[in-house]
PDB file of N, CA and C in Angstrom:
ATOM      1  N   UNK A   1      -7.528   7.521  -3.135  1.00  0.00           N
ATOM      2  CA  UNK A   1      -6.922   6.291  -2.678  1.00  0.00           C
ATOM      3  C   UNK A   1      -8.028   5.258  -2.490  1.00  0.00           C
ATOM      4  N   UNK A   2      -7.735   4.049  -2.911  1.00  0.00           N
ATOM      5  CA  UNK A   2      -8.698   2.959  -2.756  1.00  0.00           C
ATOM      6  C   UNK A   2      -7.970   1.785  -2.104  1.00  0.00           C
ATOM      7  N   UNK A   3      -8.595   1.206  -1.098  1.00  0.00           N
ATOM      8  CA  UNK A   3      -8.049   0.051  -0.396  1.00  0.00           C
ATOM      9  C   UNK A   3      -8.946  -1.142  -0.644  1.00  0.00           C
ATOM     10  N   UNK A   4      -8.344  -2.267  -0.981  1.00  0.00           N
ATOM     11  CA  UNK A   4      -9.107  -3.500  -1.135  1.00  0.00           C
ATOM     12  C   UNK A   4      -8.357  -4.598  -0.393  1.00  0.00           C
ATOM     13  N   UNK A   5      -9.040  -5.220   0.552  1.00  0.00           N
ATOM     14  CA  UNK A   5      -8.452  -6.318   1.317  1.00  0.00           C
ATOM     15  C   UNK A   5      -8.998  -7.638   0.798  1.00  0.00           C
ATOM     16  N   UNK A   6      -8.102  -8.570   0.489  1.00  0.00           N
ATOM     17  CA  UNK A   6      -8.470  -9.908   0.044  1.00  0.00           C
ATOM     18  C   UNK A   6      -8.244 -10.858   1.219  1.00  0.00           C
ATOM     19  N   UNK A   7      -9.328 -11.322   1.811  1.00  0.00           N
ATOM     20  CA  UNK A   7      -9.252 -12.179   2.988  1.00  0.00           C
ATOM     21  C   UNK A   7      -8.574 -13.513   2.694  1.00  0.00           C
ATOM     22  N   UNK A   8      -8.868 -14.107   1.531  1.00  0.00           N
ATOM     23  CA  UNK A   8      -8.266 -15.404   1.192  1.00  0.00           C
ATOM     24  C   UNK A   8      -6.759 -15.307   1.038  1.00  0.00           C
ATOM     25  N   UNK A   9      -6.287 -14.248   0.391  1.00  0.00           N
ATOM     26  CA  UNK A   9      -4.849 -14.078   0.171  1.00  0.00           C
ATOM     27  C   UNK A   9      -4.172 -13.355   1.329  1.00  0.00           C
ATOM     28  N   UNK A  10      -4.951 -12.810   2.249  1.00  0.00           N
ATOM     29  CA  UNK A  10      -4.450 -11.965   3.327  1.00  0.00           C
ATOM     30  C   UNK A  10      -3.542 -10.881   2.748  1.00  0.00           C
ATOM     31  N   UNK A  11      -4.126 -10.124   1.807  1.00  0.00           N
ATOM     32  CA  UNK A  11      -3.376  -9.088   1.110  1.00  0.00           C
ATOM     33  C   UNK A  11      -4.196  -7.808   1.039  1.00  0.00           C
ATOM     34  N   UNK A  12      -3.507  -6.690   1.198  1.00  0.00           N
ATOM     35  CA  UNK A  12      -4.124  -5.379   1.092  1.00  0.00           C
ATOM     36  C   UNK A  12      -3.572  -4.700  -0.149  1.00  0.00           C
ATOM     37  N   UNK A  13      -4.456  -4.307  -1.061  1.00  0.00           N
ATOM     38  CA  UNK A  13      -4.069  -3.565  -2.265  1.00  0.00           C
ATOM     39  C   UNK A  13      -4.450  -2.109  -2.051  1.00  0.00           C
ATOM     40  N   UNK A  14      -3.469  -1.233  -2.188  1.00  0.00           N
ATOM     41  CA  UNK A  14      -3.677   0.199  -2.002  1.00  0.00           C
ATOM     42  C   UNK A  14      -3.432   0.873  -3.345  1.00  0.00           C
ATOM     43  N   UNK A  15      -4.494   1.384  -3.966  1.00  0.00           N
ATOM     44  CA  UNK A  15      -4.372   2.062  -5.263  1.00  0.00           C
ATOM     45  C   UNK A  15      -4.262   3.561  -5.024  1.00  0.00           C
ATOM     46  N   UNK A  16      -3.195   4.158  -5.553  1.00  0.00           N
ATOM     47  CA  UNK A  16      -2.965   5.589  -5.391  1.00  0.00           C
ATOM     48  C   UNK A  16      -3.283   6.376  -6.655  1.00  0.00           C
ATOM     49  N   UNK A  17      -3.068   5.748  -7.818  1.00  0.00           N
ATOM     50  CA  UNK A  17      -3.277   6.452  -9.086  1.00  0.00           C
ATOM     51  C   UNK A  17      -3.550   5.442 -10.184  1.00  0.00           C
ATOM     52  N   UNK A  18      -4.190   5.922 -11.233  1.00  0.00           N
ATOM     53  CA  UNK A  18      -4.398   5.093 -12.417  1.00  0.00           C
ATOM     54  C   UNK A  18      -3.190   5.241 -13.330  1.00  0.00           C
ATOM     55  N   UNK A  19      -2.911   4.205 -14.079  1.00  0.00           N
ATOM     56  CA  UNK A  19      -1.807   4.261 -15.028  1.00  0.00           C
ATOM     57  C   UNK A  19      -1.358   2.876 -15.415  1.00  0.00           C
ATOM     58  N   UNK A  20      -0.313   2.837 -16.218  1.00  0.00           N
ATOM     59  CA  UNK A  20       0.242   1.572 -16.685  1.00  0.00           C
ATOM     60  C   UNK A  20       1.497   1.264 -15.873  1.00  0.00           C
ATOM     61  N   UNK A  21       1.511   0.084 -15.273  1.00  0.00           N
ATOM     62  CA  UNK A  21       2.652  -0.327 -14.458  1.00  0.00           C
ATOM     63  C   UNK A  21       3.852  -0.579 -15.366  1.00  0.00           C
ATOM     64  N   UNK A  22       4.950   0.092 -15.072  1.00  0.00           N
ATOM     65  CA  UNK A  22       6.200  -0.110 -15.793  1.00  0.00           C
ATOM     66  C   UNK A  22       7.076  -1.145 -15.098  1.00  0.00           C
ATOM     67  N   UNK A  23       7.069  -1.098 -13.754  1.00  0.00           N
ATOM     68  CA  UNK A  23       7.846  -2.069 -12.983  1.00  0.00           C
ATOM     69  C   UNK A  23       7.266  -2.197 -11.586  1.00  0.00           C
ATOM     70  N   UNK A  24       7.578  -3.312 -10.965  1.00  0.00           N
ATOM     71  CA  UNK A  24       7.177  -3.571  -9.587  1.00  0.00           C
ATOM     72  C   UNK A  24       8.441  -3.695  -8.755  1.00  0.00           C
ATOM     73  N   UNK A  25       8.485  -2.943  -7.682  1.00  0.00           N
ATOM     74  CA  UNK A  25       9.651  -2.935  -6.794  1.00  0.00           C
ATOM     75  C   UNK A  25       9.279  -3.683  -5.523  1.00  0.00           C
ATOM     76  N   UNK A  26      10.100  -4.652  -5.163  1.00  0.00           N
ATOM     77  CA  UNK A  26       9.891  -5.407  -3.927  1.00  0.00           C
ATOM     78  C   UNK A  26      10.640  -4.697  -2.806  1.00  0.00           C
ATOM     79  N   UNK A  27       9.898  -4.090  -1.889  1.00  0.00           N
ATOM     80  CA  UNK A  27      10.493  -3.373  -0.770  1.00  0.00           C
ATOM     81  C   UNK A  27      10.934  -4.357   0.304  1.00  0.00           C
ATOM     82  N   UNK A  28      10.104  -5.337   0.572  1.00  0.00           N
ATOM     83  CA  UNK A  28      10.474  -6.499   1.387  1.00  0.00           C
ATOM     84  C   UNK A  28       9.677  -7.674   0.828  1.00  0.00           C
ATOM     85  N   UNK A  29       9.804  -8.833   1.429  1.00  0.00           N
ATOM     86  CA  UNK A  29       9.200 -10.033   0.846  1.00  0.00           C
ATOM     87  C   UNK A  29       7.674  -9.980   0.779  1.00  0.00           C
ATOM     88  N   UNK A  30       7.044  -9.028   1.464  1.00  0.00           N
ATOM     89  CA  UNK A  30       5.597  -8.947   1.428  1.00  0.00           C
ATOM     90  C   UNK A  30       5.063  -7.574   1.071  1.00  0.00           C
ATOM     91  N   UNK A  31       5.933  -6.689   0.570  1.00  0.00           N
ATOM     92  CA  UNK A  31       5.500  -5.334   0.208  1.00  0.00           C
ATOM     93  C   UNK A  31       5.997  -5.021  -1.199  1.00  0.00           C
ATOM     94  N   UNK A  32       5.047  -4.825  -2.120  1.00  0.00           N
ATOM     95  CA  UNK A  32       5.365  -4.570  -3.524  1.00  0.00           C
ATOM     96  C   UNK A  32       4.803  -3.213  -3.928  1.00  0.00           C
ATOM     97  N   UNK A  33       5.603  -2.448  -4.661  1.00  0.00           N
ATOM     98  CA  UNK A  33       5.184  -1.122  -5.111  1.00  0.00           C
ATOM     99  C   UNK A  33       5.213  -1.101  -6.635  1.00  0.00           C
ATOM    100  N   UNK A  34       4.069  -0.784  -7.243  1.00  0.00           N
ATOM    101  CA  UNK A  34       3.974  -0.656  -8.701  1.00  0.00           C
ATOM    102  C   UNK A  34       4.178   0.801  -9.075  1.00  0.00           C
ATOM    103  N   UNK A  35       5.087   1.046 -10.029  1.00  0.00           N
ATOM    104  CA  UNK A  35       5.354   2.408 -10.486  1.00  0.00           C
ATOM    105  C   UNK A  35       5.209   2.488 -12.001  1.00  0.00           C
ATOM    106  N   UNK A  36       4.883   3.695 -12.478  1.00  0.00           N
ATOM    107  CA  UNK A  36       4.782   3.892 -13.921  1.00  0.00           C
ATOM    108  C   UNK A  36       6.150   4.276 -14.483  1.00  0.00           C
ATOM    109  N   UNK A  37       6.221   4.573 -15.768  1.00  0.00           N
ATOM    110  CA  UNK A  37       7.483   4.872 -16.435  1.00  0.00           C
ATOM    111  C   UNK A  37       8.165   6.109 -15.843  1.00  0.00           C
ATOM    112  N   UNK A  38       7.391   7.030 -15.273  1.00  0.00           N
ATOM    113  CA  UNK A  38       7.947   8.227 -14.669  1.00  0.00           C
ATOM    114  C   UNK A  38       8.308   8.072 -13.202  1.00  0.00           C
ATOM    115  N   UNK A  39       8.114   6.871 -12.641  1.00  0.00           N
ATOM    116  CA  UNK A  39       8.430   6.625 -11.242  1.00  0.00           C
ATOM    117  C   UNK A  39       7.314   6.959 -10.281  1.00  0.00           C
ATOM    118  N   UNK A  40       6.140   7.309 -10.810  1.00  0.00           N
ATOM    119  CA  UNK A  40       4.984   7.623  -9.961  1.00  0.00           C
ATOM    120  C   UNK A  40       4.402   6.338  -9.402  1.00  0.00           C
ATOM    121  N   UNK A  41       4.117   6.331  -8.114  1.00  0.00           N
ATOM    122  CA  UNK A  41       3.539   5.157  -7.463  1.00  0.00           C
ATOM    123  C   UNK A  41       2.078   5.025  -7.860  1.00  0.00           C
ATOM    124  N   UNK A  42       1.748   3.860  -8.408  1.00  0.00           N
ATOM    125  CA  UNK A  42       0.371   3.567  -8.790  1.00  0.00           C
ATOM    126  C   UNK A  42      -0.335   2.776  -7.706  1.00  0.00           C
ATOM    127  N   UNK A  43       0.382   1.801  -7.124  1.00  0.00           N
ATOM    128  CA  UNK A  43      -0.243   0.975  -6.096  1.00  0.00           C
ATOM    129  C   UNK A  43       0.811   0.338  -5.202  1.00  0.00           C
ATOM    130  N   UNK A  44       0.341  -0.081  -4.045  1.00  0.00           N
ATOM    131  CA  UNK A  44       1.158  -0.800  -3.070  1.00  0.00           C
ATOM    132  C   UNK A  44       0.379  -2.039  -2.683  1.00  0.00           C
ATOM    133  N   UNK A  45       1.036  -3.185  -2.703  1.00  0.00           N
ATOM    134  CA  UNK A  45       0.397  -4.414  -2.247  1.00  0.00           C
ATOM    135  C   UNK A  45       1.145  -4.906  -1.020  1.00  0.00           C
ATOM    136  N   UNK A  46       0.390  -5.191   0.022  1.00  0.00           N
ATOM    137  CA  UNK A  46       0.977  -5.653   1.274  1.00  0.00           C
ATOM    138  C   UNK A  46       0.399  -7.023   1.594  1.00  0.00           C
ATOM    139  N   UNK A  47       1.274  -8.026   1.610  1.00  0.00           N
ATOM    140  CA  UNK A  47       0.886  -9.379   2.010  1.00  0.00           C
ATOM    141  C   UNK A  47       0.979  -9.440   3.529  1.00  0.00           C
ATOM    142  N   UNK A  48      -0.021  -9.992   4.160  1.00  0.00           N
ATOM    143  CA  UNK A  48      -0.129 -10.054   5.616  1.00  0.00           C
ATOM    144  C   UNK A  48      -0.004  -8.658   6.228  1.00  0.00           C
ATOM    145  N   UNK A  49      -0.958  -7.781   5.907  1.00  0.00           N
ATOM    146  CA  UNK A  49      -0.864  -6.392   6.360  1.00  0.00           C
ATOM    147  C   UNK A  49      -0.962  -6.191   7.867  1.00  0.00           C
ATOM    148  N   UNK A  50      -1.322  -7.222   8.612  1.00  0.00           N
ATOM    149  CA  UNK A  50      -1.356  -7.090  10.068  1.00  0.00           C
ATOM    150  C   UNK A  50       0.050  -7.076  10.663  1.00  0.00           C
ATOM    151  N   UNK A  51       1.034  -7.483   9.858  1.00  0.00           N
ATOM    152  CA  UNK A  51       2.427  -7.448  10.335  1.00  0.00           C
ATOM    153  C   UNK A  51       2.953  -6.015  10.239  1.00  0.00           C
ATOM    154  N   UNK A  52       4.091  -5.783  10.796  1.00  0.00           N
ATOM    155  CA  UNK A  52       4.732  -4.470  10.692  1.00  0.00           C
ATOM    156  C   UNK A  52       5.401  -4.390   9.324  1.00  0.00           C
ATOM    157  N   UNK A  53       4.765  -3.705   8.375  1.00  0.00           N
ATOM    158  CA  UNK A  53       5.318  -3.581   7.031  1.00  0.00           C
ATOM    159  C   UNK A  53       6.051  -2.251   6.903  1.00  0.00           C
ATOM    160  N   UNK A  54       7.013  -2.159   5.981  1.00  0.00           N
ATOM    161  CA  UNK A  54       7.947  -1.030   5.946  1.00  0.00           C
ATOM    162  C   UNK A  54       7.408   0.239   5.275  1.00  0.00           C
ATOM    163  N   UNK A  55       6.382   0.829   5.845  1.00  0.00           N
ATOM    164  CA  UNK A  55       5.817   2.048   5.275  1.00  0.00           C
ATOM    165  C   UNK A  55       6.858   3.163   5.213  1.00  0.00           C
ATOM    166  N   UNK A  56       7.657   3.325   6.242  1.00  0.00           N
ATOM    167  CA  UNK A  56       8.667   4.387   6.229  1.00  0.00           C
ATOM    168  C   UNK A  56       9.634   4.224   5.061  1.00  0.00           C
ATOM    169  N   UNK A  57      10.038   3.002   4.771  1.00  0.00           N
ATOM    170  CA  UNK A  57      10.927   2.769   3.622  1.00  0.00           C
ATOM    171  C   UNK A  57      10.239   3.104   2.312  1.00  0.00           C
ATOM    172  N   UNK A  58       8.950   2.778   2.211  1.00  0.00           N
ATOM    173  CA  UNK A  58       8.192   3.112   0.998  1.00  0.00           C
ATOM    174  C   UNK A  58       8.139   4.631   0.835  1.00  0.00           C
ATOM    175  N   UNK A  59       7.804   5.346   1.907  1.00  0.00           N
ATOM    176  CA  UNK A  59       7.689   6.797   1.832  1.00  0.00           C
ATOM    177  C   UNK A  59       9.035   7.476   1.589  1.00  0.00           C
ATOM    178  N   UNK A  60      10.109   6.907   2.103  1.00  0.00           N
ATOM    179  CA  UNK A  60      11.443   7.467   1.874  1.00  0.00           C
ATOM    180  C   UNK A  60      11.924   7.230   0.451  1.00  0.00           C
ATOM    181  N   UNK A  61      11.548   6.110  -0.111  1.00  0.00           N
ATOM    182  CA  UNK A  61      12.076   5.686  -1.411  1.00  0.00           C
ATOM    183  C   UNK A  61      11.285   6.212  -2.607  1.00  0.00           C
ATOM    184  N   UNK A  62       9.988   6.443  -2.421  1.00  0.00           N
ATOM    185  CA  UNK A  62       9.121   6.802  -3.539  1.00  0.00           C
ATOM    186  C   UNK A  62       8.437   8.138  -3.294  1.00  0.00           C
ATOM    187  N   UNK A  63       8.246   8.916  -4.387  1.00  0.00           N
ATOM    188  CA  UNK A  63       7.513  10.183  -4.235  1.00  0.00           C
ATOM    189  C   UNK A  63       6.013   9.923  -4.100  1.00  0.00           C
ATOM    190  N   UNK A  64       5.498  10.180  -2.924  1.00  0.00           N
ATOM    191  CA  UNK A  64       4.068  10.007  -2.646  1.00  0.00           C
ATOM    192  C   UNK A  64       3.559  11.326  -2.088  1.00  0.00           C
ATOM    193  N   UNK A  65       2.437  11.788  -2.617  1.00  0.00           N
ATOM    194  CA  UNK A  65       1.862  13.069  -2.191  1.00  0.00           C
ATOM    195  C   UNK A  65       1.668  13.083  -0.676  1.00  0.00           C
ATOM    196  N   UNK A  66       1.930  14.231  -0.046  1.00  0.00           N
ATOM    197  CA  UNK A  66       1.764  14.327   1.411  1.00  0.00           C
ATOM    198  C   UNK A  66       0.380  13.890   1.903  1.00  0.00           C
ATOM    199  N   UNK A  67      -0.666  14.202   1.142  1.00  0.00           N
ATOM    200  CA  UNK A  67      -2.012  13.795   1.578  1.00  0.00           C
ATOM    201  C   UNK A  67      -2.154  12.270   1.554  1.00  0.00           C
ATOM    202  N   UNK A  68      -1.587  11.619   0.518  1.00  0.00           N
ATOM    203  CA  UNK A  68      -1.623  10.149   0.460  1.00  0.00           C
ATOM    204  C   UNK A  68      -0.753   9.550   1.562  1.00  0.00           C
ATOM    205  N   UNK A  69       0.398  10.160   1.815  1.00  0.00           N
ATOM    206  CA  UNK A  69       1.276   9.666   2.881  1.00  0.00           C
ATOM    207  C   UNK A  69       0.567   9.745   4.225  1.00  0.00           C
ATOM    208  N   UNK A  70      -0.164  10.830   4.462  1.00  0.00           N
ATOM    209  CA  UNK A  70      -0.899  10.970   5.720  1.00  0.00           C
ATOM    210  C   UNK A  70      -1.977   9.893   5.846  1.00  0.00           C
ATOM    211  N   UNK A  71      -2.670   9.603   4.750  1.00  0.00           N
ATOM    212  CA  UNK A  71      -3.685   8.541   4.791  1.00  0.00           C
ATOM    213  C   UNK A  71      -3.041   7.179   5.027  1.00  0.00           C
ATOM    214  N   UNK A  72      -1.900   6.926   4.375  1.00  0.00           N
ATOM    215  CA  UNK A  72      -1.208   5.660   4.586  1.00  0.00           C
ATOM    216  C   UNK A  72      -0.786   5.515   6.043  1.00  0.00           C
ATOM    217  N   UNK A  73      -0.280   6.578   6.618  1.00  0.00           N
ATOM    218  CA  UNK A  73       0.105   6.526   8.037  1.00  0.00           C
ATOM    219  C   UNK A  73      -1.124   6.287   8.921  1.00  0.00           C
ATOM    220  N   UNK A  74      -2.278   6.781   8.481  1.00  0.00           N
ATOM    221  CA  UNK A  74      -3.506   6.582   9.245  1.00  0.00           C
ATOM    222  C   UNK A  74      -3.974   5.141   9.250  1.00  0.00           C
ATOM    223  N   UNK A  75      -3.724   4.404   8.150  1.00  0.00           N
ATOM    224  CA  UNK A  75      -4.147   2.999   8.122  1.00  0.00           C
ATOM    225  C   UNK A  75      -3.063   2.069   8.637  1.00  0.00           C
ATOM    226  N   UNK A  76      -1.842   2.562   8.683  1.00  0.00           N
ATOM    227  CA  UNK A  76      -0.716   1.765   9.179  1.00  0.00           C
ATOM    228  C   UNK A  76      -0.588   2.049  10.653  1.00  0.00           C
ATOM    229  N   UNK A  77      -0.574   1.039  11.447  1.00  0.00           N
ATOM    230  CA  UNK A  77      -0.656   1.245  12.890  1.00  0.00           C
ATOM    231  C   UNK A  77       0.698   1.380  13.578  1.00  0.00           C
ATOM    232  N   UNK A  78       1.784   1.494  12.819  1.00  0.00           N
ATOM    233  CA  UNK A  78       3.092   1.651  13.462  1.00  0.00           C
ATOM    234  C   UNK A  78       3.466   0.425  14.261  1.00  0.00           C
ATOM    235  N   UNK A  79       3.576   0.588  15.569  1.00  0.00           N
ATOM    236  CA  UNK A  79       3.958  -0.536  16.435  1.00  0.00           C
ATOM    237  C   UNK A  79       2.785  -1.453  16.752  1.00  0.00           C
ATOM    238  N   UNK A  80       1.582  -1.016  16.412  1.00  0.00           N
ATOM    239  CA  UNK A  80       0.407  -1.842  16.641  1.00  0.00           C
ATOM    240  C   UNK A  80       0.131  -2.649  15.377  1.00  0.00           C
ATOM    241  N   UNK A  81      -0.915  -3.439  15.388  1.00  0.00           N
ATOM    242  CA  UNK A  81      -1.255  -4.212  14.199  1.00  0.00           C
ATOM    243  C   UNK A  81      -2.515  -3.673  13.556  1.00  0.00           C
ATOM    244  N   UNK A  82      -2.603  -3.873  12.260  1.00  0.00           N
ATOM    245  CA  UNK A  82      -3.786  -3.491  11.507  1.00  0.00           C
ATOM    246  C   UNK A  82      -4.734  -4.675  11.541  1.00  0.00           C
ATOM    247  N   UNK A  83      -5.920  -4.464  12.076  1.00  0.00           N
ATOM    248  CA  UNK A  83      -6.860  -5.561  12.190  1.00  0.00           C
ATOM    249  C   UNK A  83      -7.847  -5.518  11.040  1.00  0.00           C
ATOM    250  N   UNK A  84      -7.814  -6.553  10.211  1.00  0.00           N
ATOM    251  CA  UNK A  84      -8.692  -6.654   9.056  1.00  0.00           C
ATOM    252  C   UNK A  84      -9.414  -7.987   9.120  1.00  0.00           C
ATOM    253  N   UNK A  85     -10.707  -7.950   8.906  1.00  0.00           N
ATOM    254  CA  UNK A  85     -11.436  -9.206   8.945  1.00  0.00           C
ATOM    255  C   UNK A  85     -12.445  -9.338   7.823  1.00  0.00           C
ATOM    256  N   UNK A  86     -12.849  -8.253   7.220  1.00  0.00           N
ATOM    257  CA  UNK A  86     -13.855  -8.294   6.170  1.00  0.00           C
ATOM    258  C   UNK A  86     -13.207  -8.199   4.798  1.00  0.00           C
ATOM    259  N   UNK A  87     -13.530  -9.086   3.874  1.00  0.00           N
ATOM    260  CA  UNK A  87     -12.964  -9.025   2.519  1.00  0.00           C
ATOM    261  C   UNK A  87     -13.735  -8.045   1.631  1.00  0.00           C
ATOM    262  N   UNK A  88     -13.857  -6.827   2.093  1.00  0.00           N
ATOM    263  CA  UNK A  88     -14.647  -5.837   1.358  1.00  0.00           C
ATOM    264  C   UNK A  88     -13.776  -4.671   0.937  1.00  0.00           C
ATOM    265  N   UNK A  89     -14.067  -4.080  -0.222  1.00  0.00           N
ATOM    266  CA  UNK A  89     -13.289  -2.919  -0.649  1.00  0.00           C
ATOM    267  C   UNK A  89     -13.593  -1.715   0.243  1.00  0.00           C
ATOM    268  N   UNK A  90     -12.574  -0.967   0.526  1.00  0.00           N
ATOM    269  CA  UNK A  90     -12.697   0.252   1.300  1.00  0.00           C
ATOM    270  C   UNK A  90     -12.269   1.395   0.388  1.00  0.00           C
ATOM    271  N   UNK A  91     -13.068   2.387   0.241  1.00  0.00           N
ATOM    272  CA  UNK A  91     -12.707   3.521  -0.611  1.00  0.00           C
ATOM    273  C   UNK A  91     -12.449   4.733   0.251  1.00  0.00           C
ATOM    274  N   UNK A  92     -11.318   5.362   0.003  1.00  0.00           N
ATOM    275  CA  UNK A  92     -10.964   6.588   0.708  1.00  0.00           C
ATOM    276  C   UNK A  92     -10.758   7.658  -0.343  1.00  0.00           C
ATOM    277  N   UNK A  93     -11.499   8.710  -0.255  1.00  0.00           N
ATOM    278  CA  UNK A  93     -11.377   9.786  -1.249  1.00  0.00           C
ATOM    279  C   UNK A  93     -10.545  10.919  -0.702  1.00  0.00           C
TER     280      UNK A  93
END
């Protein structure tokens, strides 16, 4: 998993797998999920990630490996906010 935060756009890009995007699904107005032709999640983009974004809906709707789901829950603060200030890529292996 690779996380890249864009400070100017206030967007968090979460890459889960390499592949060719077949379609992008809008989960809410600020959460986009890219999937390949087989429905595998390639990436998630979250606009204004400090807000409460619908991670549970993403995990319910798309097949995501348990290890990736656990990492996503670790970066998603639930009822708290995710504090991001540096426009630097974060790599999680």
